[in-house]
């Protein structure tokens, strides 16, 4: 059974003309348009585009002991391996600081970049 990950793009009426180019750019990374919906409930937004792509399951680490390992998905610096499977717990490590979050395949990461 094929599994999919999903992405949502919201655009305002002013940015509506840029949506086709955004979708085309994401197509280079395997994303395809799954649907469009009016964004009536979101103030200032005109349209929501839903995209999908096949999910490639990550490989198991060589060191199968529980702990933080390099993220095999490549979206984070580290991902928690519980000894049997990869979890949704992730970390970003930069400038000597560590920020943790949760990253499910169908959700945007909750990591927030520090204000510059």
PDB file of N, CA and C in Angstrom:
ATOM      1  N   UNK A   1       0.842  -1.178   0.000  1.00  0.00           N
ATOM      2  CA  UNK A   1       0.000   0.000   0.000  1.00  0.00           C
ATOM      3  C   UNK A   1       0.885   1.238   0.000  1.00  0.00           C
ATOM      4  N   UNK A   2       0.640   2.125  -0.927  1.00  0.00           N
ATOM      5  CA  UNK A   2       1.427   3.346  -1.016  1.00  0.00           C
ATOM      6  C   UNK A   2       0.935   4.354   0.014  1.00  0.00           C
ATOM      7  N   UNK A   3       1.886   5.008   0.690  1.00  0.00           N
ATOM      8  CA  UNK A   3       1.552   6.041   1.665  1.00  0.00           C
ATOM      9  C   UNK A   3       1.924   7.391   1.083  1.00  0.00           C
ATOM     10  N   UNK A   4       1.188   8.425   1.468  1.00  0.00           N
ATOM     11  CA  UNK A   4       1.379   9.767   0.928  1.00  0.00           C
ATOM     12  C   UNK A   4       1.648  10.764   2.053  1.00  0.00           C
ATOM     13  N   UNK A   5       2.428  11.779   1.743  1.00  0.00           N
ATOM     14  CA  UNK A   5       2.522  12.930   2.627  1.00  0.00           C
ATOM     15  C   UNK A   5       1.843  14.091   1.924  1.00  0.00           C
ATOM     16  N   UNK A   6       1.330  15.027   2.703  1.00  0.00           N
ATOM     17  CA  UNK A   6       0.530  16.121   2.153  1.00  0.00           C
ATOM     18  C   UNK A   6       1.092  17.468   2.560  1.00  0.00           C
ATOM     19  N   UNK A   7       0.831  18.456   1.746  1.00  0.00           N
ATOM     20  CA  UNK A   7       1.291  19.828   1.970  1.00  0.00           C
ATOM     21  C   UNK A   7       0.153  20.758   1.601  1.00  0.00           C
ATOM     22  N   UNK A   8       0.029  21.833   2.336  1.00  0.00           N
ATOM     23  CA  UNK A   8      -1.032  22.809   2.111  1.00  0.00           C
ATOM     24  C   UNK A   8      -0.399  24.171   1.793  1.00  0.00           C
ATOM     25  N   UNK A   9      -0.892  24.835   0.757  1.00  0.00           N
ATOM     26  CA  UNK A   9      -0.434  26.179   0.412  1.00  0.00           C
ATOM     27  C   UNK A   9      -1.652  27.085   0.427  1.00  0.00           C
ATOM     28  N   UNK A  10      -1.592  28.159   1.209  1.00  0.00           N
ATOM     29  CA  UNK A  10      -2.671  29.150   1.240  1.00  0.00           C
ATOM     30  C   UNK A  10      -2.191  30.419   0.546  1.00  0.00           C
ATOM     31  N   UNK A  11      -3.015  30.978  -0.325  1.00  0.00           N
ATOM     32  CA  UNK A  11      -2.645  32.212  -1.026  1.00  0.00           C
ATOM     33  C   UNK A  11      -3.764  33.241  -0.898  1.00  0.00           C
ATOM     34  N   UNK A  12      -3.363  34.496  -0.881  1.00  0.00           N
ATOM     35  CA  UNK A  12      -4.325  35.596  -0.869  1.00  0.00           C
ATOM     36  C   UNK A  12      -4.771  35.879  -2.293  1.00  0.00           C
ATOM     37  N   UNK A  13      -5.800  36.683  -2.432  1.00  0.00           N
ATOM     38  CA  UNK A  13      -6.277  37.056  -3.770  1.00  0.00           C
ATOM     39  C   UNK A  13      -5.174  37.761  -4.551  1.00  0.00           C
ATOM     40  N   UNK A  14      -4.366  38.564  -3.866  1.00  0.00           N
ATOM     41  CA  UNK A  14      -3.282  39.292  -4.529  1.00  0.00           C
ATOM     42  C   UNK A  14      -2.192  38.353  -5.053  1.00  0.00           C
ATOM     43  N   UNK A  15      -1.999  37.224  -4.386  1.00  0.00           N
ATOM     44  CA  UNK A  15      -0.952  36.275  -4.778  1.00  0.00           C
ATOM     45  C   UNK A  15      -1.462  35.116  -5.627  1.00  0.00           C
ATOM     46  N   UNK A  16      -2.733  35.130  -5.965  1.00  0.00           N
ATOM     47  CA  UNK A  16      -3.351  34.021  -6.693  1.00  0.00           C
ATOM     48  C   UNK A  16      -2.639  33.722  -8.019  1.00  0.00           C
ATOM     49  N   UNK A  17      -2.143  34.749  -8.687  1.00  0.00           N
ATOM     50  CA  UNK A  17      -1.471  34.556  -9.978  1.00  0.00           C
ATOM     51  C   UNK A  17      -0.155  33.799  -9.838  1.00  0.00           C
ATOM     52  N   UNK A  18       0.446  33.774  -8.644  1.00  0.00           N
ATOM     53  CA  UNK A  18       1.722  33.078  -8.445  1.00  0.00           C
ATOM     54  C   UNK A  18       1.542  31.597  -8.111  1.00  0.00           C
ATOM     55  N   UNK A  19       0.301  31.180  -7.814  1.00  0.00           N
ATOM     56  CA  UNK A  19       0.061  29.799  -7.402  1.00  0.00           C
ATOM     57  C   UNK A  19       0.506  28.760  -8.432  1.00  0.00           C
ATOM     58  N   UNK A  20       0.193  28.909  -9.715  1.00  0.00           N
ATOM     59  CA  UNK A  20       0.658  27.895 -10.681  1.00  0.00           C
ATOM     60  C   UNK A  20       2.177  27.720 -10.691  1.00  0.00           C
ATOM     61  N   UNK A  21       2.925  28.801 -10.588  1.00  0.00           N
ATOM     62  CA  UNK A  21       4.387  28.702 -10.570  1.00  0.00           C
ATOM     63  C   UNK A  21       4.874  28.013  -9.295  1.00  0.00           C
ATOM     64  N   UNK A  22       4.218  28.293  -8.163  1.00  0.00           N
ATOM     65  CA  UNK A  22       4.589  27.642  -6.908  1.00  0.00           C
ATOM     66  C   UNK A  22       4.372  26.135  -7.005  1.00  0.00           C
ATOM     67  N   UNK A  23       3.223  25.742  -7.566  1.00  0.00           N
ATOM     68  CA  UNK A  23       2.912  24.312  -7.710  1.00  0.00           C
ATOM     69  C   UNK A  23       3.897  23.652  -8.682  1.00  0.00           C
ATOM     70  N   UNK A  24       4.231  24.336  -9.748  1.00  0.00           N
ATOM     71  CA  UNK A  24       5.189  23.795 -10.711  1.00  0.00           C
ATOM     72  C   UNK A  24       6.563  23.622 -10.075  1.00  0.00           C
ATOM     73  N   UNK A  25       6.998  24.605  -9.282  1.00  0.00           N
ATOM     74  CA  UNK A  25       8.292  24.497  -8.599  1.00  0.00           C
ATOM     75  C   UNK A  25       8.305  23.293  -7.653  1.00  0.00           C
ATOM     76  N   UNK A  26       7.219  23.095  -6.900  1.00  0.00           N
ATOM     77  CA  UNK A  26       7.138  21.968  -5.973  1.00  0.00           C
ATOM     78  C   UNK A  26       7.076  20.636  -6.715  1.00  0.00           C
ATOM     79  N   UNK A  27       6.603  20.652  -7.954  1.00  0.00           N
ATOM     80  CA  UNK A  27       6.582  19.449  -8.775  1.00  0.00           C
ATOM     81  C   UNK A  27       7.973  18.885  -8.993  1.00  0.00           C
ATOM     82  N   UNK A  28       8.988  19.749  -8.970  1.00  0.00           N
ATOM     83  CA  UNK A  28      10.376  19.288  -9.109  1.00  0.00           C
ATOM     84  C   UNK A  28      10.785  18.409  -7.937  1.00  0.00           C
ATOM     85  N   UNK A  29      10.064  18.508  -6.813  1.00  0.00           N
ATOM     86  CA  UNK A  29      10.357  17.718  -5.625  1.00  0.00           C
ATOM     87  C   UNK A  29       9.351  16.576  -5.433  1.00  0.00           C
ATOM     88  N   UNK A  30       8.593  16.276  -6.483  1.00  0.00           N
ATOM     89  CA  UNK A  30       7.672  15.150  -6.434  1.00  0.00           C
ATOM     90  C   UNK A  30       6.262  15.480  -5.990  1.00  0.00           C
ATOM     91  N   UNK A  31       5.974  16.754  -5.682  1.00  0.00           N
ATOM     92  CA  UNK A  31       4.635  17.140  -5.241  1.00  0.00           C
ATOM     93  C   UNK A  31       3.703  17.265  -6.432  1.00  0.00           C
ATOM     94  N   UNK A  32       2.456  16.824  -6.280  1.00  0.00           N
ATOM     95  CA  UNK A  32       1.438  17.005  -7.313  1.00  0.00           C
ATOM     96  C   UNK A  32       0.176  17.553  -6.667  1.00  0.00           C
ATOM     97  N   UNK A  33      -0.567  18.317  -7.440  1.00  0.00           N
ATOM     98  CA  UNK A  33      -1.791  18.930  -6.938  1.00  0.00           C
ATOM     99  C   UNK A  33      -2.842  17.857  -6.699  1.00  0.00           C
ATOM    100  N   UNK A  34      -3.405  17.847  -5.483  1.00  0.00           N
ATOM    101  CA  UNK A  34      -4.454  16.879  -5.131  1.00  0.00           C
ATOM    102  C   UNK A  34      -5.818  17.549  -5.101  1.00  0.00           C
ATOM    103  N   UNK A  35      -5.839  18.855  -4.850  1.00  0.00           N
ATOM    104  CA  UNK A  35      -7.128  19.538  -4.805  1.00  0.00           C
ATOM    105  C   UNK A  35      -6.987  21.016  -4.477  1.00  0.00           C
ATOM    106  N   UNK A  36      -8.050  21.760  -4.763  1.00  0.00           N
ATOM    107  CA  UNK A  36      -8.137  23.186  -4.451  1.00  0.00           C
ATOM    108  C   UNK A  36      -9.409  23.427  -3.656  1.00  0.00           C
ATOM    109  N   UNK A  37      -9.363  24.381  -2.730  1.00  0.00           N
ATOM    110  CA  UNK A  37     -10.546  24.705  -1.939  1.00  0.00           C
ATOM    111  C   UNK A  37     -10.549  26.190  -1.632  1.00  0.00           C
ATOM    112  N   UNK A  38     -11.725  26.809  -1.600  1.00  0.00           N
ATOM    113  CA  UNK A  38     -11.785  28.217  -1.194  1.00  0.00           C
ATOM    114  C   UNK A  38     -11.438  28.326   0.284  1.00  0.00           C
ATOM    115  N   UNK A  39     -10.746  29.375   0.637  1.00  0.00           N
ATOM    116  CA  UNK A  39     -10.308  29.569   2.024  1.00  0.00           C
ATOM    117  C   UNK A  39     -11.235  30.548   2.728  1.00  0.00           C
ATOM    118  N   UNK A  40     -12.501  30.229   2.793  1.00  0.00           N
ATOM    119  CA  UNK A  40     -13.490  31.130   3.367  1.00  0.00           C
ATOM    120  C   UNK A  40     -13.291  31.350   4.859  1.00  0.00           C
ATOM    121  N   UNK A  41     -12.835  30.328   5.570  1.00  0.00           N
ATOM    122  CA  UNK A  41     -12.713  30.438   7.021  1.00  0.00           C
ATOM    123  C   UNK A  41     -11.437  31.137   7.467  1.00  0.00           C
ATOM    124  N   UNK A  42     -10.499  31.346   6.561  1.00  0.00           N
ATOM    125  CA  UNK A  42      -9.229  31.969   6.909  1.00  0.00           C
ATOM    126  C   UNK A  42      -9.221  33.405   6.403  1.00  0.00           C
ATOM    127  N   UNK A  43      -9.150  34.344   7.327  1.00  0.00           N
ATOM    128  CA  UNK A  43      -9.190  35.763   6.958  1.00  0.00           C
ATOM    129  C   UNK A  43      -8.021  36.133   6.048  1.00  0.00           C
ATOM    130  N   UNK A  44      -8.316  36.809   4.965  1.00  0.00           N
ATOM    131  CA  UNK A  44      -7.294  37.288   4.047  1.00  0.00           C
ATOM    132  C   UNK A  44      -6.835  36.273   3.014  1.00  0.00           C
ATOM    133  N   UNK A  45      -7.227  35.022   3.145  1.00  0.00           N
ATOM    134  CA  UNK A  45      -6.817  33.984   2.207  1.00  0.00           C
ATOM    135  C   UNK A  45      -7.923  33.747   1.181  1.00  0.00           C
ATOM    136  N   UNK A  46      -7.537  33.484  -0.054  1.00  0.00           N
ATOM    137  CA  UNK A  46      -8.503  33.265  -1.124  1.00  0.00           C
ATOM    138  C   UNK A  46      -8.639  31.798  -1.495  1.00  0.00           C
ATOM    139  N   UNK A  47      -7.526  31.064  -1.452  1.00  0.00           N
ATOM    140  CA  UNK A  47      -7.529  29.699  -1.956  1.00  0.00           C
ATOM    141  C   UNK A  47      -6.508  28.852  -1.196  1.00  0.00           C
ATOM    142  N   UNK A  48      -6.848  27.586  -1.002  1.00  0.00           N
ATOM    143  CA  UNK A  48      -5.928  26.623  -0.404  1.00  0.00           C
ATOM    144  C   UNK A  48      -5.690  25.518  -1.429  1.00  0.00           C
ATOM    145  N   UNK A  49      -4.424  25.254  -1.711  1.00  0.00           N
ATOM    146  CA  UNK A  49      -4.045  24.160  -2.609  1.00  0.00           C
ATOM    147  C   UNK A  49      -3.501  23.019  -1.751  1.00  0.00           C
ATOM    148  N   UNK A  50      -3.993  21.814  -1.995  1.00  0.00           N
ATOM    149  CA  UNK A  50      -3.516  20.629  -1.296  1.00  0.00           C
ATOM    150  C   UNK A  50      -2.652  19.841  -2.277  1.00  0.00           C
ATOM    151  N   UNK A  51      -1.427  19.524  -1.867  1.00  0.00           N
ATOM    152  CA  UNK A  51      -0.510  18.765  -2.708  1.00  0.00           C
ATOM    153  C   UNK A  51      -0.172  17.450  -2.011  1.00  0.00           C
ATOM    154  N   UNK A  52       0.242  16.466  -2.788  1.00  0.00           N
ATOM    155  CA  UNK A  52       0.637  15.184  -2.225  1.00  0.00           C
ATOM    156  C   UNK A  52       1.832  14.645  -2.999  1.00  0.00           C
ATOM    157  N   UNK A  53       2.568  13.750  -2.337  1.00  0.00           N
ATOM    158  CA  UNK A  53       3.646  13.009  -2.990  1.00  0.00           C
ATOM    159  C   UNK A  53       3.830  11.699  -2.257  1.00  0.00           C
ATOM    160  N   UNK A  54       4.322  10.681  -2.943  1.00  0.00           N
ATOM    161  CA  UNK A  54       4.547   9.393  -2.284  1.00  0.00           C
ATOM    162  C   UNK A  54       5.571   9.548  -1.153  1.00  0.00           C
ATOM    163  N   UNK A  55       5.283   8.906  -0.046  1.00  0.00           N
ATOM    164  CA  UNK A  55       6.190   8.958   1.097  1.00  0.00           C
ATOM    165  C   UNK A  55       7.206   7.834   0.973  1.00  0.00           C
ATOM    166  N   UNK A  56       8.461   8.186   1.057  1.00  0.00           N
ATOM    167  CA  UNK A  56       9.533   7.201   1.036  1.00  0.00           C
ATOM    168  C   UNK A  56       9.931   6.952   2.480  1.00  0.00           C
ATOM    169  N   UNK A  57       9.728   5.720   2.946  1.00  0.00           N
ATOM    170  CA  UNK A  57      10.030   5.409   4.336  1.00  0.00           C
ATOM    171  C   UNK A  57      11.529   5.396   4.565  1.00  0.00           C
ATOM    172  N   UNK A  58      11.992   5.993   5.670  1.00  0.00           N
ATOM    173  CA  UNK A  58      13.434   6.061   5.934  1.00  0.00           C
ATOM    174  C   UNK A  58      14.006   4.711   6.348  1.00  0.00           C
ATOM    175  N   UNK A  59      15.291   4.564   6.115  1.00  0.00           N
ATOM    176  CA  UNK A  59      16.005   3.344   6.491  1.00  0.00           C
ATOM    177  C   UNK A  59      16.245   3.310   8.006  1.00  0.00           C
ATOM    178  N   UNK A  60      16.442   2.130   8.540  1.00  0.00           N
ATOM    179  CA  UNK A  60      16.793   1.987   9.953  1.00  0.00           C
ATOM    180  C   UNK A  60      18.245   2.411  10.147  1.00  0.00           C
ATOM    181  N   UNK A  61      18.587   2.950  11.328  1.00  0.00           N
ATOM    182  CA  UNK A  61      19.988   3.347  11.558  1.00  0.00           C
ATOM    183  C   UNK A  61      20.875   2.109  11.740  1.00  0.00           C
ATOM    184  N   UNK A  62      22.173   2.274  11.492  1.00  0.00           N
ATOM    185  CA  UNK A  62      23.114   1.174  11.705  1.00  0.00           C
ATOM    186  C   UNK A  62      23.197   0.848  13.191  1.00  0.00           C
ATOM    187  N   UNK A  63      23.257   1.893  14.018  1.00  0.00           N
ATOM    188  CA  UNK A  63      23.261   1.730  15.471  1.00  0.00           C
ATOM    189  C   UNK A  63      21.799   1.731  15.917  1.00  0.00           C
ATOM    190  N   UNK A  64      21.272   0.574  16.256  1.00  0.00           N
ATOM    191  CA  UNK A  64      19.841   0.448  16.548  1.00  0.00           C
ATOM    192  C   UNK A  64      19.493   0.715  18.009  1.00  0.00           C
ATOM    193  N   UNK A  65      20.449   1.236  18.797  1.00  0.00           N
ATOM    194  CA  UNK A  65      20.136   1.581  20.184  1.00  0.00           C
ATOM    195  C   UNK A  65      19.278   2.849  20.207  1.00  0.00           C
ATOM    196  N   UNK A  66      18.441   2.971  21.236  1.00  0.00           N
ATOM    197  CA  UNK A  66      17.547   4.119  21.372  1.00  0.00           C
ATOM    198  C   UNK A  66      18.362   5.412  21.484  1.00  0.00           C
ATOM    199  N   UNK A  67      17.883   6.482  20.849  1.00  0.00           N
ATOM    200  CA  UNK A  67      18.558   7.767  20.987  1.00  0.00           C
ATOM    201  C   UNK A  67      18.341   8.690  19.799  1.00  0.00           C
ATOM    202  N   UNK A  68      18.926   9.894  19.897  1.00  0.00           N
ATOM    203  CA  UNK A  68      18.867  10.872  18.810  1.00  0.00           C
ATOM    204  C   UNK A  68      19.835  10.448  17.725  1.00  0.00           C
ATOM    205  N   UNK A  69      19.344  10.404  16.498  1.00  0.00           N
ATOM    206  CA  UNK A  69      20.164  10.034  15.333  1.00  0.00           C
ATOM    207  C   UNK A  69      19.984  11.107  14.265  1.00  0.00           C
ATOM    208  N   UNK A  70      20.878  11.138  13.298  1.00  0.00           N
ATOM    209  CA  UNK A  70      20.705  12.032  12.153  1.00  0.00           C
ATOM    210  C   UNK A  70      19.365  11.730  11.492  1.00  0.00           C
ATOM    211  N   UNK A  71      18.611  12.769  11.154  1.00  0.00           N
ATOM    212  CA  UNK A  71      17.286  12.572  10.567  1.00  0.00           C
ATOM    213  C   UNK A  71      17.406  11.953   9.179  1.00  0.00           C
ATOM    214  N   UNK A  72      16.911  10.735   8.989  1.00  0.00           N
ATOM    215  CA  UNK A  72      17.018  10.098   7.676  1.00  0.00           C
ATOM    216  C   UNK A  72      16.109  10.755   6.637  1.00  0.00           C
ATOM    217  N   UNK A  73      15.134  11.536   7.095  1.00  0.00           N
ATOM    218  CA  UNK A  73      14.240  12.241   6.172  1.00  0.00           C
ATOM    219  C   UNK A  73      14.889  13.519   5.651  1.00  0.00           C
ATOM    220  N   UNK A  74      15.918  14.000   6.349  1.00  0.00           N
ATOM    221  CA  UNK A  74      16.638  15.184   5.903  1.00  0.00           C
ATOM    222  C   UNK A  74      15.950  16.500   6.210  1.00  0.00           C
ATOM    223  N   UNK A  75      14.836  16.484   6.930  1.00  0.00           N
ATOM    224  CA  UNK A  75      14.117  17.728   7.228  1.00  0.00           C
ATOM    225  C   UNK A  75      14.614  18.378   8.508  1.00  0.00           C
ATOM    226  N   UNK A  76      15.275  17.618   9.372  1.00  0.00           N
ATOM    227  CA  UNK A  76      15.716  18.091  10.679  1.00  0.00           C
ATOM    228  C   UNK A  76      17.161  17.682  10.893  1.00  0.00           C
ATOM    229  N   UNK A  77      17.771  18.208  11.946  1.00  0.00           N
ATOM    230  CA  UNK A  77      19.132  17.799  12.267  1.00  0.00           C
ATOM    231  C   UNK A  77      19.151  16.419  12.921  1.00  0.00           C
ATOM    232  N   UNK A  78      18.151  16.152  13.785  1.00  0.00           N
ATOM    233  CA  UNK A  78      18.096  14.876  14.496  1.00  0.00           C
ATOM    234  C   UNK A  78      16.650  14.416  14.637  1.00  0.00           C
ATOM    235  N   UNK A  79      16.476  13.098  14.703  1.00  0.00           N
ATOM    236  CA  UNK A  79      15.162  12.490  14.900  1.00  0.00           C
ATOM    237  C   UNK A  79      15.339  11.375  15.930  1.00  0.00           C
ATOM    238  N   UNK A  80      14.337  11.186  16.820  1.00  0.00           N
ATOM    239  CA  UNK A  80      14.431  10.185  17.869  1.00  0.00           C
ATOM    240  C   UNK A  80      14.118   8.789  17.325  1.00  0.00           C
ATOM    241  N   UNK A  81      15.068   7.853  17.544  1.00  0.00           N
ATOM    242  CA  UNK A  81      14.885   6.444  17.220  1.00  0.00           C
ATOM    243  C   UNK A  81      14.598   5.749  18.539  1.00  0.00           C
ATOM    244  N   UNK A  82      13.443   5.076  18.660  1.00  0.00           N
ATOM    245  CA  UNK A  82      13.053   4.477  19.941  1.00  0.00           C
ATOM    246  C   UNK A  82      13.583   3.049  20.135  1.00  0.00           C
ATOM    247  N   UNK A  83      14.475   2.625  19.265  1.00  0.00           N
ATOM    248  CA  UNK A  83      15.031   1.284  19.341  1.00  0.00           C
ATOM    249  C   UNK A  83      14.379   0.324  18.359  1.00  0.00           C
ATOM    250  N   UNK A  84      13.173   0.715  17.866  1.00  0.00           N
ATOM    251  CA  UNK A  84      12.463  -0.124  16.902  1.00  0.00           C
ATOM    252  C   UNK A  84      11.995   0.638  15.673  1.00  0.00           C
ATOM    253  N   UNK A  85      11.680   1.925  15.852  1.00  0.00           N
ATOM    254  CA  UNK A  85      11.159   2.714  14.732  1.00  0.00           C
ATOM    255  C   UNK A  85      11.485   4.189  14.925  1.00  0.00           C
ATOM    256  N   UNK A  86      11.453   4.947  13.827  1.00  0.00           N
ATOM    257  CA  UNK A  86      11.625   6.394  13.897  1.00  0.00           C
ATOM    258  C   UNK A  86      10.345   7.004  14.471  1.00  0.00           C
ATOM    259  N   UNK A  87      10.507   8.004  15.337  1.00  0.00           N
ATOM    260  CA  UNK A  87       9.344   8.683  15.913  1.00  0.00           C
ATOM    261  C   UNK A  87       9.155  10.022  15.207  1.00  0.00           C
ATOM    262  N   UNK A  88       8.140  10.763  15.631  1.00  0.00           N
ATOM    263  CA  UNK A  88       7.880  12.091  15.081  1.00  0.00           C
ATOM    264  C   UNK A  88       8.625  13.177  15.855  1.00  0.00           C
ATOM    265  N   UNK A  89       9.418  12.814  16.871  1.00  0.00           N
ATOM    266  CA  UNK A  89      10.138  13.801  17.674  1.00  0.00           C
ATOM    267  C   UNK A  89      11.435  14.177  16.984  1.00  0.00           C
ATOM    268  N   UNK A  90      11.634  15.472  16.821  1.00  0.00           N
ATOM    269  CA  UNK A  90      12.760  15.965  16.036  1.00  0.00           C
ATOM    270  C   UNK A  90      13.448  17.115  16.757  1.00  0.00           C
ATOM    271  N   UNK A  91      14.672  17.405  16.328  1.00  0.00           N
ATOM    272  CA  UNK A  91      15.419  18.529  16.890  1.00  0.00           C
ATOM    273  C   UNK A  91      16.143  19.282  15.790  1.00  0.00           C
ATOM    274  N   UNK A  92      16.272  20.585  16.018  1.00  0.00           N
ATOM    275  CA  UNK A  92      17.088  21.459  15.177  1.00  0.00           C
ATOM    276  C   UNK A  92      18.196  21.959  16.084  1.00  0.00           C
ATOM    277  N   UNK A  93      19.430  21.800  15.642  1.00  0.00           N
ATOM    278  CA  UNK A  93      20.576  22.202  16.451  1.00  0.00           C
ATOM    279  C   UNK A  93      21.364  23.256  15.695  1.00  0.00           C
ATOM    280  N   UNK A  94      21.426  24.444  16.278  1.00  0.00           N
ATOM    281  CA  UNK A  94      22.145  25.541  15.611  1.00  0.00           C
ATOM    282  C   UNK A  94      22.719  26.487  16.659  1.00  0.00           C
ATOM    283  N   UNK A  95      23.891  27.002  16.392  1.00  0.00           N
ATOM    284  CA  UNK A  95      24.535  27.998  17.251  1.00  0.00           C
ATOM    285  C   UNK A  95      24.599  27.552  18.712  1.00  0.00           C
ATOM    286  N   UNK A  96      24.811  26.274  18.952  1.00  0.00           N
ATOM    287  CA  UNK A  96      24.913  25.779  20.317  1.00  0.00           C
ATOM    288  C   UNK A  96      23.600  25.644  21.058  1.00  0.00           C
ATOM    289  N   UNK A  97      22.473  25.893  20.368  1.00  0.00           N
ATOM    290  CA  UNK A  97      21.163  25.749  20.995  1.00  0.00           C
ATOM    291  C   UNK A  97      20.439  24.576  20.356  1.00  0.00           C
ATOM    292  N   UNK A  98      19.491  24.029  21.084  1.00  0.00           N
ATOM    293  CA  UNK A  98      18.689  22.916  20.577  1.00  0.00           C
ATOM    294  C   UNK A  98      17.226  23.278  20.716  1.00  0.00           C
ATOM    295  N   UNK A  99      16.459  23.100  19.639  1.00  0.00           N
ATOM    296  CA  UNK A  99      15.021  23.333  19.669  1.00  0.00           C
ATOM    297  C   UNK A  99      14.347  22.043  19.237  1.00  0.00           C
ATOM    298  N   UNK A 100      13.402  21.581  20.063  1.00  0.00           N
ATOM    299  CA  UNK A 100      12.707  20.337  19.786  1.00  0.00           C
ATOM    300  C   UNK A 100      11.322  20.602  19.228  1.00  0.00           C
ATOM    301  N   UNK A 101      10.765  19.628  18.537  1.00  0.00           N
ATOM    302  CA  UNK A 101       9.426  19.759  17.983  1.00  0.00           C
ATOM    303  C   UNK A 101       8.867  18.408  17.606  1.00  0.00           C
ATOM    304  N   UNK A 102       7.778  18.437  16.868  1.00  0.00           N
ATOM    305  CA  UNK A 102       7.119  17.223  16.416  1.00  0.00           C
ATOM    306  C   UNK A 102       6.885  17.360  14.915  1.00  0.00           C
ATOM    307  N   UNK A 103       7.170  16.316  14.171  1.00  0.00           N
ATOM    308  CA  UNK A 103       7.051  16.348  12.717  1.00  0.00           C
ATOM    309  C   UNK A 103       6.367  15.075  12.250  1.00  0.00           C
ATOM    310  N   UNK A 104       5.074  15.144  12.005  1.00  0.00           N
ATOM    311  CA  UNK A 104       4.358  13.998  11.441  1.00  0.00           C
ATOM    312  C   UNK A 104       4.369  14.125   9.922  1.00  0.00           C
ATOM    313  N   UNK A 105       4.325  13.024   9.180  1.00  0.00           N
ATOM    314  CA  UNK A 105       4.410  13.103   7.722  1.00  0.00           C
ATOM    315  C   UNK A 105       3.336  13.970   7.075  1.00  0.00           C
ATOM    316  N   UNK A 106       2.160  14.085   7.681  1.00  0.00           N
ATOM    317  CA  UNK A 106       1.099  14.872   7.059  1.00  0.00           C
ATOM    318  C   UNK A 106       0.952  16.258   7.684  1.00  0.00           C
ATOM    319  N   UNK A 107       1.919  16.665   8.497  1.00  0.00           N
ATOM    320  CA  UNK A 107       1.845  17.975   9.148  1.00  0.00           C
ATOM    321  C   UNK A 107       3.078  18.789   8.814  1.00  0.00           C
ATOM    322  N   UNK A 108       2.931  20.091   8.812  1.00  0.00           N
ATOM    323  CA  UNK A 108       4.094  20.954   8.696  1.00  0.00           C
ATOM    324  C   UNK A 108       4.874  20.865  10.001  1.00  0.00           C
ATOM    325  N   UNK A 109       6.208  20.944   9.958  1.00  0.00           N
ATOM    326  CA  UNK A 109       6.968  20.907  11.193  1.00  0.00           C
ATOM    327  C   UNK A 109       6.566  22.044  12.128  1.00  0.00           C
ATOM    328  N   UNK A 110       6.622  21.798  13.437  1.00  0.00           N
ATOM    329  CA  UNK A 110       6.249  22.827  14.398  1.00  0.00           C
ATOM    330  C   UNK A 110       7.439  23.689  14.772  1.00  0.00           C
ATOM    331  N   UNK A 111       8.620  23.372  14.280  1.00  0.00           N
ATOM    332  CA  UNK A 111       9.811  24.157  14.560  1.00  0.00           C
ATOM    333  C   UNK A 111       9.619  25.578  14.071  1.00  0.00           C
ATOM    334  N   UNK A 112       9.935  26.550  14.935  1.00  0.00           N
ATOM    335  CA  UNK A 112       9.847  27.954  14.547  1.00  0.00           C
ATOM    336  C   UNK A 112      11.246  28.537  14.513  1.00  0.00           C
ATOM    337  N   UNK A 113      11.586  29.173  13.427  1.00  0.00           N
ATOM    338  CA  UNK A 113      12.911  29.765  13.311  1.00  0.00           C
ATOM    339  C   UNK A 113      13.027  30.950  14.264  1.00  0.00           C
ATOM    340  N   UNK A 114      14.199  31.131  14.877  1.00  0.00           N
ATOM    341  CA  UNK A 114      14.381  32.284  15.758  1.00  0.00           C
ATOM    342  C   UNK A 114      14.303  33.579  14.960  1.00  0.00           C
ATOM    343  N   UNK A 115      13.740  34.599  15.582  1.00  0.00           N
ATOM    344  CA  UNK A 115      13.666  35.917  14.937  1.00  0.00           C
ATOM    345  C   UNK A 115      15.072  36.460  14.756  1.00  0.00           C
ATOM    346  N   UNK A 116      15.351  36.996  13.585  1.00  0.00           N
ATOM    347  CA  UNK A 116      16.688  37.560  13.305  1.00  0.00           C
ATOM    348  C   UNK A 116      16.713  39.026  13.584  1.00  0.00           C
TER     349      UNK A 116
END
